[in-house]
């Protein structure tokens, strides 16, 4: 059974990659376009910090390290959750009905039948570049424990974002169109996540901690490694919650998904 599932995942992945990279020059240019588009904001932050030196005690390389976690986790996440990101369109055009008729788990199909490789390479590549630029200049003394923490933080950050996508995708069963909610609760919240949580108003901090917990994707993992002074405003336990929170959020989103499937009605095409 497990061998069959792994084989099917391999077939899906191979087919998707062939589809996305059918035109190699176009694939390279589109991935590069994503990389350059996301780099623009980073360049603005870089030159701004050169002028003002620090942002609430965070220097330019520490901010780049903070951004690197955000881009690396998104780059990995979108390989698995592209189908959830685009699920609203799948429901509206009747594509979800085809998944229901196939003898495989619905969520399995949605996760593995598509992957946005251009976004994954563009975002993930930028995250790796930012990590390579900043990791040696922020005073981190790397050890086995810190390396393992970093890997588990990446894992948790991927699951937190995947859980948000799964929850928003599930809402399409009830609402059909959730583009505005996705813009509000994911893309806009993600914009705040590129900066230290402590610089924002308490209301925004509350949202980033307890509603759309992007603070656990990059801020607290970065704090564990950097130990900046503004961490004093938050409980120390927050430094260790990212993997557990990711698993818990994803399980809750999955339960909501399973419950909501009972209420799905085809939208036609």
Protein backbone atom coordinates (compact mmCIF):
# COMPACT_ATOMS: atom_id res chain seq x y z
CA UNK A 1 0.00 0.00 0.00
CA UNK A 2 2.71 2.49 1.00
CA UNK A 3 4.79 1.47 -2.02
CA UNK A 4 1.78 2.06 -4.27
CA UNK A 5 1.19 5.52 -2.78
CA UNK A 6 4.85 6.49 -3.15
CA UNK A 7 4.86 5.24 -6.73
CA UNK A 8 1.77 7.31 -7.50
CA UNK A 9 3.35 10.40 -5.91
CA UNK A 10 6.40 9.83 -8.09
CA UNK A 11 4.25 9.54 -11.22
CA UNK A 12 2.34 12.72 -10.34
CA UNK A 13 5.57 14.62 -9.65
CA UNK A 14 7.23 13.46 -12.86
CA UNK A 15 4.17 14.38 -14.94
CA UNK A 16 3.82 17.80 -13.31
CA UNK A 17 7.48 18.62 -13.81
CA UNK A 18 7.28 17.64 -17.48
CA UNK A 19 4.26 19.92 -17.84
CA UNK A 20 5.80 22.92 -16.09
CA UNK A 21 9.18 22.57 -17.78
CA UNK A 22 7.98 21.62 -21.25
CA UNK A 23 9.36 24.90 -22.57
CA UNK A 24 12.67 25.20 -20.77
CA UNK A 25 13.58 28.78 -21.68
CA UNK A 26 10.13 29.98 -20.70
CA UNK A 27 10.35 28.05 -17.43
CA UNK A 28 13.70 29.64 -16.57
CA UNK A 29 12.45 33.13 -17.42
CA UNK A 30 9.23 32.74 -15.42
CA UNK A 31 11.10 31.43 -12.38
CA UNK A 32 13.56 34.30 -12.74
CA UNK A 33 10.65 36.74 -13.00
CA UNK A 34 9.26 35.50 -9.68
CA UNK A 35 12.73 35.75 -8.12
CA UNK A 36 13.21 39.33 -9.35
CA UNK A 37 9.69 40.40 -8.42
CA UNK A 38 10.14 39.28 -4.82
CA UNK A 39 13.69 40.63 -4.72
CA UNK A 40 12.45 44.16 -5.38
CA UNK A 41 10.97 44.52 -1.91
CA UNK A 42 14.10 43.10 -0.32
CA UNK A 43 16.30 45.59 -2.21
CA UNK A 44 14.14 48.47 -0.93
CA UNK A 45 14.50 47.21 2.65
CA UNK A 46 18.25 46.78 2.20
CA UNK A 47 18.87 50.33 1.02
CA UNK A 48 16.47 51.75 3.60
CA UNK A 49 18.39 50.04 6.40
CA UNK A 50 21.68 51.31 5.01
CA UNK A 51 20.26 54.81 5.60
CA UNK A 52 18.68 54.24 9.01
CA UNK A 53 21.06 51.55 10.32
CA UNK A 54 18.55 49.47 12.33
CA UNK A 55 14.84 48.77 12.67
CA UNK A 56 13.98 48.46 16.36
CA UNK A 57 17.40 46.93 16.97
CA UNK A 58 17.44 44.66 13.90
CA UNK A 59 20.25 45.40 11.44
CA UNK A 60 20.02 44.78 7.72
CA UNK A 61 21.50 41.26 7.78
CA UNK A 62 19.21 40.18 10.62
CA UNK A 63 16.23 41.38 8.57
CA UNK A 64 17.51 39.47 5.56
CA UNK A 65 17.72 36.36 7.75
CA UNK A 66 14.12 36.97 8.85
CA UNK A 67 13.03 37.24 5.22
CA UNK A 68 14.98 34.12 4.27
CA UNK A 69 12.83 31.96 6.56
CA UNK A 70 9.68 33.38 5.03
CA UNK A 71 10.76 32.69 1.44
CA UNK A 72 12.26 29.25 2.06
CA UNK A 73 9.13 27.99 3.84
CA UNK A 74 6.86 29.36 1.11
CA UNK A 75 9.04 27.83 -1.61
CA UNK A 76 8.69 24.39 -0.03
CA UNK A 77 5.05 24.83 0.92
CA UNK A 78 3.86 25.75 -2.57
CA UNK A 79 5.25 22.49 -3.99
CA UNK A 80 2.67 20.63 -1.91
CA UNK A 81 -0.20 23.08 -1.53
CA UNK A 82 -0.61 24.69 -4.96
CA UNK A 83 -3.88 22.80 -5.36
CA UNK A 84 -5.19 24.34 -2.16
CA UNK A 85 -4.06 27.82 -3.20
CA UNK A 86 -6.04 27.46 -6.43
CA UNK A 87 -8.88 25.35 -5.00
CA UNK A 88 -11.55 28.01 -5.52
CA UNK A 89 -11.11 27.80 -9.29
CA UNK A 90 -11.17 24.00 -9.12
CA UNK A 91 -14.56 24.09 -7.35
CA UNK A 92 -16.08 26.74 -9.62
CA UNK A 93 -15.12 25.01 -12.88
CA UNK A 94 -16.33 21.61 -11.72
CA UNK A 95 -12.83 20.12 -11.49
CA UNK A 96 -13.41 18.97 -7.91
CA UNK A 97 -16.19 16.68 -9.13
CA UNK A 98 -13.62 14.73 -11.17
CA UNK A 99 -11.49 14.21 -8.05
CA UNK A 100 -14.52 12.85 -6.19
CA UNK A 101 -15.05 10.19 -8.86
CA UNK A 102 -11.46 8.91 -8.69
CA UNK A 103 -10.50 6.05 -6.34
CA UNK A 104 -8.03 8.12 -4.32
CA UNK A 105 -8.28 10.40 -1.31
CA UNK A 106 -9.50 13.86 -2.24
CA UNK A 107 -6.86 15.79 -0.33
CA UNK A 108 -4.15 13.47 -1.64
CA UNK A 109 -5.17 14.28 -5.20
CA UNK A 110 -5.42 18.03 -4.62
CA UNK A 111 -1.98 18.15 -3.01
CA UNK A 112 -0.12 15.98 -5.50
CA UNK A 113 -1.75 16.67 -8.88
CA UNK A 114 -0.18 20.11 -9.19
CA UNK A 115 2.79 22.10 -7.93
CA UNK A 116 3.76 25.66 -8.82
CA UNK A 117 7.40 25.02 -9.65
CA UNK A 118 7.97 28.58 -10.85
CA UNK A 119 6.90 30.02 -7.49
CA UNK A 120 8.80 27.31 -5.64
CA UNK A 121 12.06 28.03 -7.48
CA UNK A 122 11.61 31.82 -7.39
CA UNK A 123 10.67 32.09 -3.71
CA UNK A 124 12.79 29.19 -2.50
CA UNK A 125 15.81 30.33 -4.51
CA UNK A 126 15.52 33.84 -3.09
CA UNK A 127 15.24 32.41 0.43
CA UNK A 128 18.40 30.37 -0.04
CA UNK A 129 20.29 33.37 -1.42
CA UNK A 130 19.19 35.53 1.52
CA UNK A 131 20.20 32.78 3.95
CA UNK A 132 23.65 32.46 2.37
CA UNK A 133 24.14 36.24 2.49
CA UNK A 134 22.96 36.71 6.06
CA UNK A 135 23.65 33.51 8.04
CA UNK A 136 27.37 34.14 8.43
CA UNK A 137 26.90 37.80 9.39
CA UNK A 138 24.32 37.68 12.15
CA UNK A 139 26.45 36.12 14.88
CA UNK A 140 24.92 32.64 14.86
CA UNK A 141 27.33 29.97 16.08
CA UNK A 142 25.94 26.98 14.27
CA UNK A 143 25.84 23.62 16.06
CA UNK A 144 24.00 20.35 15.55
CA UNK A 145 21.21 21.47 17.92
CA UNK A 146 20.73 24.76 16.12
CA UNK A 147 20.78 23.10 12.72
CA UNK A 148 18.11 20.63 13.87
CA UNK A 149 16.06 23.47 15.34
CA UNK A 150 16.29 25.31 12.02
CA UNK A 151 15.07 22.26 10.07
CA UNK A 152 12.16 21.67 12.45
CA UNK A 153 11.28 25.38 12.26
CA UNK A 154 11.18 25.12 8.46
CA UNK A 155 8.93 22.06 8.78
CA UNK A 156 6.61 23.89 11.17
CA UNK A 157 6.54 27.04 9.04
CA UNK A 158 5.55 25.00 5.98
CA UNK A 159 2.70 23.31 7.88
CA UNK A 160 1.42 26.58 9.37
CA UNK A 161 1.08 28.11 5.91
CA UNK A 162 -0.31 24.86 4.48
CA UNK A 163 -2.93 24.81 7.24
CA UNK A 164 -3.98 28.37 6.39
CA UNK A 165 -4.35 27.39 2.74
CA UNK A 166 -6.31 24.25 3.69
CA UNK A 167 -8.68 26.22 5.91
CA UNK A 168 -9.26 28.87 3.22
CA UNK A 169 -9.69 26.16 0.58
CA UNK A 170 -12.33 24.45 2.72
CA UNK A 171 -14.31 27.69 2.92
CA UNK A 172 -14.81 27.40 -0.86
CA UNK A 173 -17.17 24.51 -0.17
CA UNK A 174 -19.49 26.99 1.53
CA UNK A 175 -18.73 30.28 -0.23
CA UNK A 176 -17.37 29.29 -3.69
CA UNK A 177 -15.38 32.54 -3.93
CA UNK A 178 -12.87 33.29 -1.17
CA UNK A 179 -10.31 35.39 -3.03
CA UNK A 180 -10.82 38.39 -0.76
CA UNK A 181 -10.43 36.26 2.37
CA UNK A 182 -7.24 34.75 0.98
CA UNK A 183 -5.91 38.21 0.21
CA UNK A 184 -6.75 39.42 3.72
CA UNK A 185 -5.74 36.43 5.82
CA UNK A 186 -2.76 35.16 3.87
CA UNK A 187 -1.17 37.57 1.42
CA UNK A 188 -1.63 40.74 3.49
CA UNK A 189 -0.60 39.01 6.71
CA UNK A 190 2.48 37.65 4.93
CA UNK A 191 3.57 41.20 4.09
CA UNK A 192 3.78 42.01 7.82
CA UNK A 193 5.74 38.82 8.48
CA UNK A 194 8.83 40.13 6.74
CA UNK A 195 9.50 42.55 9.59
CA UNK A 196 10.09 42.17 13.35
CA UNK A 197 6.79 41.57 15.12
CA UNK A 198 7.69 44.09 17.82
CA UNK A 199 7.50 47.12 15.50
CA UNK A 200 3.76 46.75 14.95
CA UNK A 201 0.73 47.95 16.90
CA UNK A 202 -0.59 45.52 19.51
CA UNK A 203 -3.65 44.76 17.36
CA UNK A 204 -1.48 43.60 14.47
CA UNK A 205 0.74 41.62 16.84
CA UNK A 206 -2.37 39.85 18.17
CA UNK A 207 -3.42 38.88 14.64
CA UNK A 208 0.08 37.64 13.80
CA UNK A 209 0.23 35.59 17.00
CA UNK A 210 -3.25 34.15 17.40
CA UNK A 211 -5.29 34.59 14.20
CA UNK A 212 -2.87 34.10 11.30
CA UNK A 213 0.24 33.05 13.25
CA UNK A 214 2.94 34.10 10.79
CA UNK A 215 5.07 35.18 13.76
CA UNK A 216 5.80 31.48 14.32
CA UNK A 217 6.86 31.00 10.69
CA UNK A 218 9.91 33.25 10.88
CA UNK A 219 9.99 35.74 13.77
CA UNK A 220 10.28 33.34 16.71
CA UNK A 221 12.58 30.87 14.89
CA UNK A 222 14.82 33.83 14.03
CA UNK A 223 14.64 34.99 17.65
CA UNK A 224 15.78 31.58 18.87
CA UNK A 225 18.91 31.89 16.76
CA UNK A 226 19.52 35.64 17.12
CA UNK A 227 18.22 36.43 20.65
CA UNK A 228 17.27 40.03 19.97
CA UNK A 229 16.28 42.31 22.85
CA UNK A 230 12.68 42.75 21.68
CA UNK A 231 12.03 39.07 22.44
CA UNK A 232 11.62 40.14 26.08
CA UNK A 233 8.08 41.26 25.23
CA UNK A 234 6.95 37.67 24.54
CA UNK A 235 6.90 34.41 26.50
CA UNK A 236 10.05 32.35 25.95
CA UNK A 237 7.95 29.26 25.21
CA UNK A 238 7.03 30.88 21.86
CA UNK A 239 10.56 30.12 20.66
CA UNK A 240 9.83 26.39 20.68
CA UNK A 241 6.24 26.18 19.45
CA UNK A 242 6.62 26.37 15.66
CA UNK A 243 6.74 22.60 14.82
CA UNK A 244 4.00 21.67 17.31
CA UNK A 245 1.82 24.58 16.22
CA UNK A 246 2.26 23.60 12.57
CA UNK A 247 1.13 20.02 13.24
CA UNK A 248 -1.78 21.14 15.45
CA UNK A 249 -3.01 23.73 12.94
CA UNK A 250 -2.81 21.30 10.05
CA UNK A 251 -4.72 18.60 11.96
CA UNK A 252 -7.44 21.10 12.91
CA UNK A 253 -7.68 22.32 9.31
CA UNK A 254 -7.90 18.69 8.14
CA UNK A 255 -10.74 17.95 10.58
CA UNK A 256 -12.56 21.03 9.28
CA UNK A 257 -11.96 19.82 5.72
CA UNK A 258 -13.33 16.33 6.43
CA UNK A 259 -16.38 17.76 8.21
CA UNK A 260 -17.10 20.24 5.41
CA UNK A 261 -16.97 17.67 2.60
CA UNK A 262 -20.40 16.45 3.74
CA UNK A 263 -21.84 19.80 2.66
CA UNK A 264 -20.22 20.01 -0.76
CA UNK A 265 -22.58 20.66 -3.66
CA UNK A 266 -21.35 20.75 -7.22
CA UNK A 267 -21.25 24.24 -8.70
CA UNK A 268 -21.58 22.96 -12.27
CA UNK A 269 -19.47 24.44 -15.05
